[in-house]
Amino acid sequence: MSNKMNDERVRALMTAAANSPMILACQTRKDVEFAAGGKFTNKAWTAIVANAGDKGVSIGRYLIDFRQELLAEKMLQFLNDEIGHLVRNPDGTPRPKEEAMERLDAWLQNETEREEQKEFQRAKEFLDNARANRTLRKACRT
């Protein structure tokens, strides 16, 4: 298994363990692996124990904090992908704050209008279907 795949597998196990409601009560490797639903390699387990010790926290708390860091990274990446073009010039330099805020406001307005238009379309389709069904019921009664 490549290091990248192994890293992803270890991250997935660490996240699964952190998501477990029993993680803070886990006291052994066996407990943590049970909470994670899989087994850690010796190398991964050694790193987890060492990192938790370095931070002076329990393994459960370390895994929860690790999960939060991963979520924060994903959120930052998502924001960068979604609105990075609003706050940076094409050459990558930051735009002036006021210009970036104006662009962000305009983008949010467009997104809001797009969502409102979708909601309107769904409501209109529902109303049209309800009217069509009412017409069919009236026709069937006569």
N, C-alpha and C. Protein backbone atom coordinates (compact mmCIF):
# COMPACT_ATOMS: atom_id res chain seq x y z
N MET A 1 0.85 -1.18 0.00
CA MET A 1 0.00 0.00 0.00
C MET A 1 0.90 1.24 0.00
N SER A 2 0.57 2.20 -0.84
CA SER A 2 1.38 3.42 -0.91
C SER A 2 1.21 4.23 0.37
N ASN A 3 2.19 5.11 0.63
CA ASN A 3 2.11 5.95 1.82
C ASN A 3 0.87 6.81 1.81
N LYS A 4 0.52 7.36 0.63
CA LYS A 4 -0.65 8.23 0.55
C LYS A 4 -1.92 7.47 0.90
N MET A 5 -2.07 6.26 0.34
CA MET A 5 -3.25 5.45 0.65
C MET A 5 -3.25 5.08 2.12
N ASN A 6 -2.09 4.74 2.65
CA ASN A 6 -1.99 4.38 4.05
C ASN A 6 -2.34 5.58 4.92
N ASP A 7 -1.82 6.77 4.55
CA ASP A 7 -2.15 7.99 5.30
C ASP A 7 -3.64 8.25 5.28
N GLU A 8 -4.26 8.09 4.12
CA GLU A 8 -5.71 8.30 4.02
C GLU A 8 -6.47 7.29 4.86
N ARG A 9 -6.01 6.04 4.86
CA ARG A 9 -6.64 5.00 5.66
C ARG A 9 -6.52 5.32 7.14
N VAL A 10 -5.32 5.74 7.55
CA VAL A 10 -5.10 6.09 8.96
C VAL A 10 -5.96 7.29 9.34
N ARG A 11 -6.01 8.31 8.47
CA ARG A 11 -6.87 9.48 8.74
C ARG A 11 -8.33 9.07 8.87
N ALA A 12 -8.76 8.17 7.99
CA ALA A 12 -10.15 7.71 8.04
C ALA A 12 -10.42 6.97 9.35
N LEU A 13 -9.48 6.14 9.77
CA LEU A 13 -9.65 5.43 11.05
C LEU A 13 -9.64 6.41 12.22
N MET A 14 -8.73 7.37 12.17
CA MET A 14 -8.66 8.36 13.25
C MET A 14 -9.95 9.16 13.33
N THR A 15 -10.49 9.53 12.17
CA THR A 15 -11.74 10.29 12.14
C THR A 15 -12.90 9.43 12.64
N ALA A 16 -12.93 8.17 12.22
CA ALA A 16 -13.99 7.27 12.67
C ALA A 16 -13.94 7.12 14.19
N ALA A 17 -12.74 6.96 14.73
CA ALA A 17 -12.60 6.85 16.18
C ALA A 17 -13.06 8.14 16.86
N ALA A 18 -12.66 9.29 16.33
CA ALA A 18 -13.03 10.57 16.92
C ALA A 18 -14.54 10.80 16.87
N ASN A 19 -15.20 10.26 15.84
CA ASN A 19 -16.64 10.41 15.72
C ASN A 19 -17.42 9.47 16.65
N SER A 20 -16.74 8.50 17.20
CA SER A 20 -17.40 7.53 18.06
C SER A 20 -17.77 8.18 19.39
N PRO A 21 -18.99 7.94 19.86
CA PRO A 21 -19.39 8.53 21.14
C PRO A 21 -18.62 7.95 22.33
N MET A 22 -17.93 6.84 22.12
CA MET A 22 -17.20 6.21 23.23
C MET A 22 -15.72 6.57 23.27
N ILE A 23 -15.25 7.41 22.36
CA ILE A 23 -13.81 7.63 22.23
C ILE A 23 -13.16 8.16 23.50
N LEU A 24 -13.81 9.05 24.22
CA LEU A 24 -13.17 9.61 25.41
C LEU A 24 -13.04 8.57 26.54
N ALA A 25 -13.83 7.51 26.47
CA ALA A 25 -13.74 6.45 27.49
C ALA A 25 -12.73 5.37 27.11
N CYS A 26 -12.24 5.39 25.89
CA CYS A 26 -11.29 4.36 25.44
C CYS A 26 -9.96 4.52 26.18
N GLN A 27 -9.46 3.38 26.69
CA GLN A 27 -8.23 3.44 27.47
C GLN A 27 -7.11 2.59 26.88
N THR A 28 -7.43 1.75 25.93
CA THR A 28 -6.40 0.89 25.35
C THR A 28 -6.45 1.00 23.83
N ARG A 29 -5.40 0.50 23.20
CA ARG A 29 -5.37 0.46 21.73
C ARG A 29 -6.55 -0.35 21.22
N LYS A 30 -6.83 -1.44 21.89
CA LYS A 30 -7.95 -2.30 21.49
C LYS A 30 -9.27 -1.52 21.53
N ASP A 31 -9.46 -0.71 22.58
CA ASP A 31 -10.66 0.11 22.71
C ASP A 31 -10.77 1.11 21.55
N VAL A 32 -9.66 1.77 21.26
CA VAL A 32 -9.66 2.78 20.20
C VAL A 32 -9.92 2.13 18.85
N GLU A 33 -9.31 0.99 18.60
CA GLU A 33 -9.52 0.29 17.34
C GLU A 33 -10.97 -0.19 17.24
N PHE A 34 -11.55 -0.59 18.36
CA PHE A 34 -12.96 -0.98 18.36
C PHE A 34 -13.83 0.22 18.00
N ALA A 35 -13.53 1.38 18.59
CA ALA A 35 -14.28 2.60 18.30
C ALA A 35 -14.11 3.01 16.85
N ALA A 36 -12.91 2.79 16.30
CA ALA A 36 -12.61 3.19 14.92
C ALA A 36 -13.19 2.21 13.91
N GLY A 37 -13.40 0.98 14.34
CA GLY A 37 -13.89 -0.03 13.41
C GLY A 37 -12.79 -0.59 12.53
N GLY A 38 -11.55 -0.50 12.96
CA GLY A 38 -10.44 -1.02 12.19
C GLY A 38 -9.16 -0.99 13.00
N LYS A 39 -8.12 -1.57 12.46
CA LYS A 39 -6.86 -1.67 13.18
C LYS A 39 -5.84 -0.67 12.64
N PHE A 40 -5.09 -0.06 13.56
CA PHE A 40 -4.01 0.84 13.21
C PHE A 40 -2.73 0.03 13.03
N THR A 41 -1.88 0.47 12.12
CA THR A 41 -0.56 -0.16 12.02
C THR A 41 0.23 0.24 13.27
N ASN A 42 1.27 -0.51 13.56
CA ASN A 42 2.10 -0.17 14.72
C ASN A 42 2.70 1.22 14.57
N LYS A 43 3.12 1.54 13.36
CA LYS A 43 3.71 2.86 13.10
C LYS A 43 2.69 3.98 13.36
N ALA A 44 1.47 3.78 12.86
CA ALA A 44 0.43 4.79 13.05
C ALA A 44 0.08 4.92 14.53
N TRP A 45 -0.05 3.81 15.21
CA TRP A 45 -0.41 3.85 16.63
C TRP A 45 0.68 4.55 17.44
N THR A 46 1.93 4.25 17.13
CA THR A 46 3.05 4.88 17.82
C THR A 46 3.01 6.39 17.62
N ALA A 47 2.72 6.82 16.40
CA ALA A 47 2.63 8.26 16.11
C ALA A 47 1.47 8.90 16.87
N ILE A 48 0.33 8.23 16.92
CA ILE A 48 -0.84 8.76 17.64
C ILE A 48 -0.50 8.93 19.12
N VAL A 49 0.07 7.89 19.72
CA VAL A 49 0.41 7.95 21.15
C VAL A 49 1.44 9.05 21.41
N ALA A 50 2.44 9.14 20.54
CA ALA A 50 3.48 10.17 20.72
C ALA A 50 2.89 11.57 20.58
N ASN A 51 2.05 11.78 19.58
CA ASN A 51 1.45 13.10 19.38
C ASN A 51 0.54 13.48 20.53
N ALA A 52 -0.23 12.53 21.02
CA ALA A 52 -1.11 12.81 22.16
C ALA A 52 -0.26 13.17 23.38
N GLY A 53 0.83 12.41 23.60
CA GLY A 53 1.73 12.69 24.72
C GLY A 53 2.38 14.05 24.60
N ASP A 54 2.82 14.39 23.39
CA ASP A 54 3.45 15.70 23.17
C ASP A 54 2.50 16.84 23.49
N LYS A 55 1.21 16.63 23.21
CA LYS A 55 0.22 17.68 23.47
C LYS A 55 -0.32 17.61 24.90
N GLY A 56 0.03 16.54 25.60
CA GLY A 56 -0.41 16.41 26.99
C GLY A 56 -1.89 16.13 27.13
N VAL A 57 -2.45 15.39 26.15
CA VAL A 57 -3.88 15.07 26.19
C VAL A 57 -4.07 13.57 26.03
N SER A 58 -5.27 13.12 26.34
CA SER A 58 -5.59 11.71 26.14
C SER A 58 -5.63 11.40 24.64
N ILE A 59 -5.55 10.13 24.33
CA ILE A 59 -5.61 9.73 22.92
C ILE A 59 -6.96 10.13 22.33
N GLY A 60 -8.04 9.94 23.09
CA GLY A 60 -9.37 10.33 22.61
C GLY A 60 -9.45 11.82 22.30
N ARG A 61 -8.94 12.64 23.21
CA ARG A 61 -8.96 14.10 23.00
C ARG A 61 -8.08 14.46 21.81
N TYR A 62 -6.94 13.81 21.66
CA TYR A 62 -6.06 14.07 20.53
C TYR A 62 -6.79 13.75 19.22
N LEU A 63 -7.48 12.62 19.16
CA LEU A 63 -8.19 12.23 17.94
C LEU A 63 -9.32 13.21 17.62
N ILE A 64 -10.02 13.66 18.64
CA ILE A 64 -11.09 14.65 18.43
C ILE A 64 -10.49 15.96 17.90
N ASP A 65 -9.39 16.40 18.51
CA ASP A 65 -8.74 17.64 18.04
C ASP A 65 -8.22 17.46 16.61
N PHE A 66 -7.67 16.29 16.31
CA PHE A 66 -7.18 15.99 14.96
C PHE A 66 -8.32 16.08 13.95
N ARG A 67 -9.46 15.51 14.31
CA ARG A 67 -10.63 15.58 13.42
C ARG A 67 -11.03 17.02 13.18
N GLN A 68 -11.03 17.83 14.23
CA GLN A 68 -11.39 19.26 14.09
C GLN A 68 -10.41 19.98 13.17
N GLU A 69 -9.12 19.65 13.28
CA GLU A 69 -8.12 20.27 12.40
C GLU A 69 -8.36 19.87 10.94
N LEU A 70 -8.69 18.60 10.72
CA LEU A 70 -9.00 18.14 9.35
C LEU A 70 -10.22 18.88 8.80
N LEU A 71 -11.24 19.03 9.63
CA LEU A 71 -12.45 19.75 9.19
C LEU A 71 -12.13 21.20 8.87
N ALA A 72 -11.30 21.82 9.70
CA ALA A 72 -10.92 23.21 9.45
C ALA A 72 -10.15 23.34 8.14
N GLU A 73 -9.24 22.40 7.88
CA GLU A 73 -8.49 22.41 6.62
C GLU A 73 -9.42 22.26 5.42
N LYS A 74 -10.36 21.33 5.54
CA LYS A 74 -11.32 21.12 4.44
C LYS A 74 -12.17 22.36 4.23
N MET A 75 -12.59 23.00 5.30
CA MET A 75 -13.40 24.21 5.18
C MET A 75 -12.61 25.33 4.52
N LEU A 76 -11.35 25.50 4.93
CA LEU A 76 -10.52 26.52 4.31
C LEU A 76 -10.31 26.25 2.83
N GLN A 77 -10.09 24.98 2.49
CA GLN A 77 -9.91 24.61 1.09
C GLN A 77 -11.18 24.89 0.30
N PHE A 78 -12.34 24.54 0.88
CA PHE A 78 -13.62 24.79 0.24
C PHE A 78 -13.81 26.29 0.01
N LEU A 79 -13.56 27.08 1.05
CA LEU A 79 -13.72 28.54 0.91
C LEU A 79 -12.75 29.09 -0.13
N ASN A 80 -11.53 28.60 -0.13
CA ASN A 80 -10.56 29.05 -1.12
C ASN A 80 -11.03 28.72 -2.53
N ASP A 81 -11.56 27.50 -2.69
CA ASP A 81 -12.05 27.09 -4.01
C ASP A 81 -13.27 27.89 -4.43
N GLU A 82 -14.17 28.15 -3.49
CA GLU A 82 -15.44 28.81 -3.81
C GLU A 82 -15.32 30.33 -3.97
N ILE A 83 -14.59 30.97 -3.07
CA ILE A 83 -14.58 32.43 -3.09
C ILE A 83 -13.17 33.03 -3.19
N GLY A 84 -12.18 32.19 -3.40
CA GLY A 84 -10.81 32.69 -3.51
C GLY A 84 -10.66 33.75 -4.58
N HIS A 85 -11.38 33.57 -5.69
CA HIS A 85 -11.28 34.53 -6.80
C HIS A 85 -11.86 35.90 -6.42
N LEU A 86 -12.67 35.94 -5.37
CA LEU A 86 -13.25 37.21 -4.94
C LEU A 86 -12.28 38.02 -4.10
N VAL A 87 -11.41 37.36 -3.39
CA VAL A 87 -10.52 38.06 -2.47
C VAL A 87 -9.09 38.17 -2.99
N ARG A 88 -8.82 37.53 -4.14
CA ARG A 88 -7.47 37.61 -4.73
C ARG A 88 -7.55 38.09 -6.17
N ASN A 89 -6.53 38.80 -6.57
CA ASN A 89 -6.38 39.21 -7.96
C ASN A 89 -5.98 37.97 -8.78
N PRO A 90 -6.11 38.06 -10.11
CA PRO A 90 -5.71 36.92 -10.95
C PRO A 90 -4.25 36.48 -10.74
N ASP A 91 -3.39 37.40 -10.32
CA ASP A 91 -1.99 37.04 -10.09
C ASP A 91 -1.76 36.44 -8.70
N GLY A 92 -2.84 36.33 -7.90
CA GLY A 92 -2.73 35.71 -6.58
C GLY A 92 -2.53 36.67 -5.43
N THR A 93 -2.31 37.94 -5.75
CA THR A 93 -2.12 38.92 -4.67
C THR A 93 -3.49 39.28 -4.08
N PRO A 94 -3.52 39.61 -2.80
CA PRO A 94 -4.81 39.94 -2.17
C PRO A 94 -5.40 41.23 -2.74
N ARG A 95 -6.70 41.23 -2.90
CA ARG A 95 -7.39 42.45 -3.31
C ARG A 95 -7.50 43.36 -2.09
N PRO A 96 -7.67 44.67 -2.31
CA PRO A 96 -7.95 45.56 -1.18
C PRO A 96 -9.22 45.09 -0.46
N LYS A 97 -9.26 45.25 0.84
CA LYS A 97 -10.36 44.72 1.65
C LYS A 97 -11.72 45.21 1.17
N GLU A 98 -11.85 46.49 0.88
CA GLU A 98 -13.14 47.02 0.44
C GLU A 98 -13.60 46.40 -0.87
N GLU A 99 -12.68 46.24 -1.81
CA GLU A 99 -13.02 45.63 -3.09
C GLU A 99 -13.42 44.17 -2.89
N ALA A 100 -12.69 43.47 -2.06
CA ALA A 100 -13.00 42.07 -1.80
C ALA A 100 -14.39 41.95 -1.15
N MET A 101 -14.70 42.83 -0.22
CA MET A 101 -16.01 42.80 0.45
C MET A 101 -17.14 43.11 -0.54
N GLU A 102 -16.91 44.06 -1.45
CA GLU A 102 -17.92 44.37 -2.47
C GLU A 102 -18.16 43.17 -3.37
N ARG A 103 -17.07 42.53 -3.78
CA ARG A 103 -17.21 41.34 -4.64
C ARG A 103 -17.92 40.21 -3.90
N LEU A 104 -17.58 40.04 -2.64
CA LEU A 104 -18.23 39.00 -1.84
C LEU A 104 -19.72 39.29 -1.67
N ASP A 105 -20.06 40.53 -1.37
CA ASP A 105 -21.48 40.90 -1.25
C ASP A 105 -22.24 40.63 -2.54
N ALA A 106 -21.66 40.99 -3.67
CA ALA A 106 -22.31 40.76 -4.96
C ALA A 106 -22.48 39.27 -5.22
N TRP A 107 -21.46 38.49 -4.91
CA TRP A 107 -21.52 37.04 -5.10
C TRP A 107 -22.62 36.44 -4.23
N LEU A 108 -22.67 36.86 -2.96
CA LEU A 108 -23.71 36.35 -2.05
C LEU A 108 -25.10 36.72 -2.54
N GLN A 109 -25.25 37.94 -3.04
CA GLN A 109 -26.54 38.38 -3.58
C GLN A 109 -26.96 37.50 -4.75
N ASN A 110 -26.01 37.23 -5.66
CA ASN A 110 -26.30 36.36 -6.81
C ASN A 110 -26.69 34.96 -6.36
N GLU A 111 -25.97 34.41 -5.39
CA GLU A 111 -26.27 33.08 -4.87
C GLU A 111 -27.66 33.05 -4.23
N THR A 112 -27.98 34.09 -3.47
CA THR A 112 -29.29 34.18 -2.82
C THR A 112 -30.39 34.24 -3.87
N GLU A 113 -30.21 35.08 -4.87
CA GLU A 113 -31.20 35.19 -5.94
C GLU A 113 -31.36 33.88 -6.69
N ARG A 114 -30.27 33.17 -6.93
CA ARG A 114 -30.31 31.87 -7.61
C ARG A 114 -31.11 30.86 -6.78
N GLU A 115 -30.87 30.84 -5.48
CA GLU A 115 -31.60 29.92 -4.59
C GLU A 115 -33.08 30.28 -4.52
N GLU A 116 -33.38 31.58 -4.45
CA GLU A 116 -34.78 32.01 -4.43
C GLU A 116 -35.48 31.62 -5.72
N GLN A 117 -34.80 31.73 -6.83
CA GLN A 117 -35.38 31.35 -8.12
C GLN A 117 -35.67 29.85 -8.15
N LYS A 118 -34.75 29.04 -7.63
CA LYS A 118 -34.97 27.59 -7.56
C LYS A 118 -36.19 27.28 -6.68
N GLU A 119 -36.28 27.93 -5.52
CA GLU A 119 -37.42 27.71 -4.62
C GLU A 119 -38.72 28.11 -5.31
N PHE A 120 -38.70 29.24 -6.02
CA PHE A 120 -39.89 29.67 -6.74
C PHE A 120 -40.30 28.64 -7.77
N GLN A 121 -39.33 28.13 -8.53
CA GLN A 121 -39.63 27.13 -9.56
C GLN A 121 -40.24 25.87 -8.94
N ARG A 122 -39.68 25.41 -7.82
CA ARG A 122 -40.23 24.22 -7.15
C ARG A 122 -41.66 24.49 -6.69
N ALA A 123 -41.89 25.66 -6.11
CA ALA A 123 -43.23 26.01 -5.63
C ALA A 123 -44.22 26.12 -6.80
N LYS A 124 -43.78 26.70 -7.90
CA LYS A 124 -44.63 26.83 -9.08
C LYS A 124 -44.99 25.46 -9.64
N GLU A 125 -44.01 24.56 -9.72
CA GLU A 125 -44.29 23.19 -10.19
C GLU A 125 -45.28 22.49 -9.27
N PHE A 126 -45.11 22.66 -7.98
CA PHE A 126 -46.02 22.05 -7.01
C PHE A 126 -47.43 22.59 -7.20
N LEU A 127 -47.54 23.91 -7.35
CA LEU A 127 -48.85 24.53 -7.55
C LEU A 127 -49.48 24.07 -8.86
N ASP A 128 -48.70 24.04 -9.93
CA ASP A 128 -49.22 23.57 -11.22
C ASP A 128 -49.70 22.13 -11.13
N ASN A 129 -48.93 21.28 -10.45
CA ASN A 129 -49.34 19.88 -10.28
C ASN A 129 -50.62 19.77 -9.45
N ALA A 130 -50.69 20.57 -8.38
CA ALA A 130 -51.89 20.54 -7.54
C ALA A 130 -53.11 21.00 -8.33
N ARG A 131 -52.95 22.03 -9.14
CA ARG A 131 -54.07 22.51 -9.96
C ARG A 131 -54.49 21.44 -10.97
N ALA A 132 -53.50 20.80 -11.61
CA ALA A 132 -53.80 19.76 -12.59
C ALA A 132 -54.52 18.59 -11.92
N ASN A 133 -54.10 18.19 -10.75
CA ASN A 133 -54.75 17.09 -10.04
C ASN A 133 -56.17 17.46 -9.63
N ARG A 134 -56.40 18.71 -9.23
CA ARG A 134 -57.72 19.16 -8.84
C ARG A 134 -58.65 19.11 -10.05
N THR A 135 -58.13 19.52 -11.19
CA THR A 135 -58.93 19.50 -12.42
C THR A 135 -59.29 18.05 -12.76
N LEU A 136 -58.36 17.14 -12.62
CA LEU A 136 -58.63 15.72 -12.91
C LEU A 136 -59.68 15.17 -11.95
N ARG A 137 -59.61 15.52 -10.68
CA ARG A 137 -60.60 15.01 -9.70
C ARG A 137 -61.98 15.54 -10.03
N LYS A 138 -62.07 16.82 -10.41
CA LYS A 138 -63.38 17.39 -10.77
C LYS A 138 -63.95 16.66 -12.00
N ALA A 139 -63.08 16.41 -12.97
CA ALA A 139 -63.53 15.73 -14.20
C ALA A 139 -64.02 14.31 -13.89
N CYS A 140 -63.37 13.64 -12.98
CA CYS A 140 -63.75 12.28 -12.63
C CYS A 140 -65.08 12.24 -11.90
N ARG A 141 -65.42 13.26 -11.14
CA ARG A 141 -66.69 13.29 -10.37
C ARG A 141 -67.91 13.52 -11.26
N THR A 142 -67.68 14.20 -12.36
CA THR A 142 -68.85 14.52 -13.19
C THR A 142 -69.18 13.46 -14.20
